[in-house]
Protein backbone atom coordinates (compact mmCIF):
# COMPACT_ATOMS: atom_id res chain seq x y z
CA MET A 1 112.84 76.61 95.37
CA VAL A 2 115.21 79.39 93.89
CA ILE A 3 114.56 80.73 91.34
CA GLU A 4 117.23 81.31 88.53
CA PRO A 5 117.96 84.62 87.38
CA VAL A 6 116.77 83.55 83.91
CA GLU A 7 113.78 81.89 85.03
CA GLU A 8 113.29 85.34 87.20
CA ALA A 9 113.51 87.75 84.14
CA ARG A 10 111.00 85.96 82.20
CA LEU A 11 108.82 85.81 84.95
CA ILE A 12 109.05 89.83 86.03
CA GLU A 13 107.81 90.04 82.03
CA GLU A 14 105.28 87.54 81.75
CA ALA A 15 104.23 89.62 85.72
CA LYS A 16 104.21 92.45 83.69
CA ARG A 17 100.81 90.85 82.21
CA ASN A 18 99.78 87.98 83.86
CA ALA A 19 99.08 87.73 87.52
CA VAL A 20 99.62 84.00 87.57
CA ALA A 21 103.48 84.57 86.71
CA PHE A 22 103.62 87.44 89.67
CA ALA A 23 102.28 84.62 91.95
CA ARG A 24 105.44 82.60 91.57
CA LEU A 25 107.16 85.55 92.12
CA TYR A 26 105.65 86.12 95.14
CA ASP A 27 105.93 82.48 96.40
CA GLU A 28 109.34 83.06 96.39
CA TYR A 29 109.95 86.54 97.74
CA MET A 30 107.22 86.30 100.18
CA PRO A 31 108.66 84.44 103.27
CA ALA A 32 112.14 86.84 103.32
CA VAL A 33 109.76 89.97 102.74
CA TYR A 34 107.88 89.21 106.14
CA GLY A 35 110.96 88.18 108.23
CA TYR A 36 112.28 91.45 106.90
CA VAL A 37 109.42 93.67 108.09
CA TYR A 38 108.56 91.90 110.76
CA ARG A 39 112.40 92.66 111.86
CA ARG A 40 111.86 96.12 111.72
CA VAL A 41 108.57 96.38 113.30
CA SER A 42 108.07 93.29 115.90
CA ILE A 43 104.72 93.30 115.64
CA ARG A 44 103.37 90.33 113.78
CA ASP A 45 100.19 91.77 112.57
CA ALA A 46 101.24 94.42 111.63
CA ALA A 47 104.35 92.99 110.18
CA GLU A 48 101.82 90.66 108.13
CA ASP A 49 99.88 93.60 107.36
CA ILE A 50 102.48 95.78 105.54
CA THR A 51 103.81 92.69 103.80
CA SER A 52 100.69 92.05 102.00
CA SER A 53 101.37 96.42 101.13
CA VAL A 54 104.40 95.53 99.59
CA PHE A 55 103.21 93.12 97.40
CA GLU A 56 99.94 95.13 96.26
CA LYS A 57 102.32 97.51 95.27
CA ALA A 58 104.91 95.51 93.71
CA MET A 59 101.98 94.38 91.63
CA ARG A 60 100.72 97.56 90.40
CA GLY A 61 104.00 98.72 90.03
CA VAL A 62 106.26 95.63 88.12
CA GLY A 63 105.30 97.00 84.50
CA GLY A 64 107.48 99.61 85.77
CA LEU A 65 110.48 97.96 86.75
CA ARG A 66 113.50 98.46 84.26
CA GLU A 67 115.25 95.52 83.15
CA GLY A 68 118.04 94.44 84.80
CA ALA A 69 116.78 95.72 88.04
CA SER A 70 117.25 93.31 90.73
CA PHE A 71 113.37 92.04 91.71
CA LYS A 72 114.44 91.52 95.24
CA GLY A 73 116.22 94.91 95.79
CA TRP A 74 113.13 96.28 94.15
CA LEU A 75 110.71 94.56 96.43
CA TYR A 76 112.79 95.56 99.91
CA ARG A 77 112.79 99.20 99.18
CA ILE A 78 109.12 98.76 98.91
CA ALA A 79 108.91 97.19 102.22
CA GLY A 80 111.31 99.75 103.72
CA ASN A 81 108.85 102.69 102.55
CA CYS A 82 106.10 100.37 103.74
CA ILE A 83 107.76 100.90 106.96
CA ILE A 84 108.19 104.06 107.40
CA ASP A 85 104.75 104.99 106.21
CA TYR A 86 103.56 102.39 109.30
CA TYR A 87 106.20 104.30 111.47
CA ARG A 88 105.07 107.70 110.22
CA ALA A 89 101.22 106.80 110.79
CA ARG A 90 101.76 105.50 114.04
CA GLY A 91 104.07 108.48 115.20
CA ARG A 92 106.76 106.83 116.76
CA HIS A 93 108.44 103.41 117.08
CA PRO A 94 105.93 100.75 119.16
CA GLU A 95 107.15 99.13 121.89
CA ALA A 96 106.44 94.96 121.13
CA GLU A 97 105.18 93.00 123.52
CA LEU A 98 107.25 90.73 125.35
CA GLU A 99 106.69 87.63 123.50
CA GLU A 100 106.25 89.49 120.50
CA ALA A 101 110.15 90.51 120.84
CA VAL A 102 111.52 87.40 121.86
CA ALA A 103 109.93 85.55 119.25
CA ALA A 104 110.97 85.26 115.71
CA PRO A 105 108.18 84.04 113.22
CA ASP A 106 109.93 80.63 113.72
CA ASP A 107 108.86 80.73 117.11
CA ASP A 108 111.99 78.64 119.16
CA SER A 109 110.34 78.45 122.72
CA ALA A 110 112.62 75.83 123.89
CA ARG A 111 115.87 78.63 124.29
CA PRO A 112 117.52 78.90 127.65
CA ILE A 113 116.26 82.09 129.37
CA ASP A 114 119.79 83.73 129.30
CA GLU A 115 119.45 83.28 125.12
CA LEU A 116 116.36 84.67 125.25
CA GLU A 117 117.40 87.75 127.39
CA THR A 118 120.78 88.30 125.44
CA ARG A 119 118.12 88.14 122.00
CA MET A 120 116.59 90.79 123.47
CA ALA A 121 119.15 93.21 124.42
CA VAL A 122 120.92 92.43 120.92
CA MET A 123 117.62 93.04 119.23
CA LYS A 124 117.23 96.39 121.29
CA LEU A 125 120.73 97.43 120.79
CA LEU A 126 119.51 96.98 117.52
CA ASP A 127 116.51 98.96 117.68
CA GLU A 128 117.93 101.49 119.50
CA LEU A 129 120.83 102.36 116.81
CA PRO A 130 119.67 105.22 113.86
CA GLU A 131 117.28 103.84 111.47
CA ASN A 132 119.91 104.25 108.76
CA HIS A 133 122.45 101.61 110.57
CA ARG A 134 119.50 99.40 111.56
CA GLU A 135 118.18 99.06 107.96
CA ILE A 136 122.14 98.51 106.57
CA LEU A 137 122.47 95.91 109.38
CA THR A 138 119.04 93.74 108.98
CA LEU A 139 119.29 94.25 105.22
CA HIS A 140 122.78 93.01 104.97
CA TYR A 141 123.24 90.28 107.87
CA LEU A 142 119.33 89.71 108.48
CA GLU A 143 117.99 89.39 105.13
CA GLY A 144 121.52 88.51 103.45
CA LEU A 145 121.14 91.15 100.28
CA SER A 146 124.19 91.49 98.73
CA VAL A 147 126.51 95.06 98.46
CA GLU A 148 124.57 95.66 95.29
CA GLU A 149 121.55 94.74 96.56
CA ILE A 150 121.71 97.05 99.68
CA ALA A 151 122.86 99.83 97.54
CA GLU A 152 119.90 99.90 94.94
CA VAL A 153 117.22 99.21 98.34
CA ILE A 154 118.99 102.57 99.77
CA GLY A 155 119.61 104.66 96.48
CA THR A 156 123.66 104.80 96.65
CA ARG A 157 126.60 103.41 95.19
CA PRO A 158 127.80 99.97 95.64
CA GLN A 159 131.44 102.00 96.95
CA ALA A 160 129.46 104.09 99.81
CA CYS A 161 126.96 101.05 100.71
CA TYR A 162 130.26 98.74 101.94
CA MET A 163 131.10 102.04 103.91
CA ARG A 164 127.72 102.03 105.34
CA ILE A 165 128.14 98.74 106.19
CA TYR A 166 131.33 98.77 107.89
CA ARG A 167 130.33 102.01 110.00
CA ALA A 168 127.13 100.58 111.21
CA THR A 169 128.88 97.19 112.02
CA ARG A 170 131.47 99.10 114.04
CA ALA A 171 128.85 101.27 115.59
CA PHE A 172 126.52 98.02 116.62
CA SER A 173 129.49 95.94 118.03
CA GLU A 174 131.15 98.75 120.27
CA GLU A 175 127.49 98.50 121.03
CA LEU A 176 127.59 94.76 121.76
CA ALA A 177 130.83 95.02 123.63
CA LYS A 178 129.63 97.72 125.83
CA LYS A 179 126.98 94.52 127.02
CA GLY A 180 129.35 91.73 127.12
CA ILE A 181 128.08 89.97 124.17
CA THR A 182 130.32 88.54 122.08
CA ARG A 183 128.92 85.84 119.07
CA LEU A 184 126.06 88.29 118.01
CA ASP A 185 125.39 85.21 115.13
CA ASP A 186 124.24 82.71 117.68
CA TYR A 187 121.28 85.20 118.78
CA VAL A 188 120.32 86.92 115.76
CA ALA A 189 119.20 84.39 113.10
């Protein structure tokens, strides 16, 4: 069930005083935040820990959320910061186990081997992009955030965000073309 904007605003105000209202926001946004974190770290246990940390920070900080701000965008900004902290603590980007890199949170083991190999190649290419490109592409194409929400997450104006999305998409497309991958939407869902 999707929370309507008016209902979300009411829940945010209630969440500032009441953990039950925050629980409803958690139920609504946790799967999307977890998916975003998982795509960025590729390790289930780490994604669960980071997602938990995101919502702990959000629950403590909801009182400071400005009126009219996108709650979803705010959560993704917290998630992005938690992911940065995770990688700083590890010292480098870890290599994911094969089954972790191949399996999305909704594991689909019936895919043909060539599709799995292509998916792995796409995810590896995405992982090799500069962090700013990887973040923009993940937020826009995998998480479905609007340009305005992404601009809030990365701390820029929507006009600048459009250009970043364009540049990241172009760079990624060029890398995919070098690998002979032409139908990205079939492999990254």
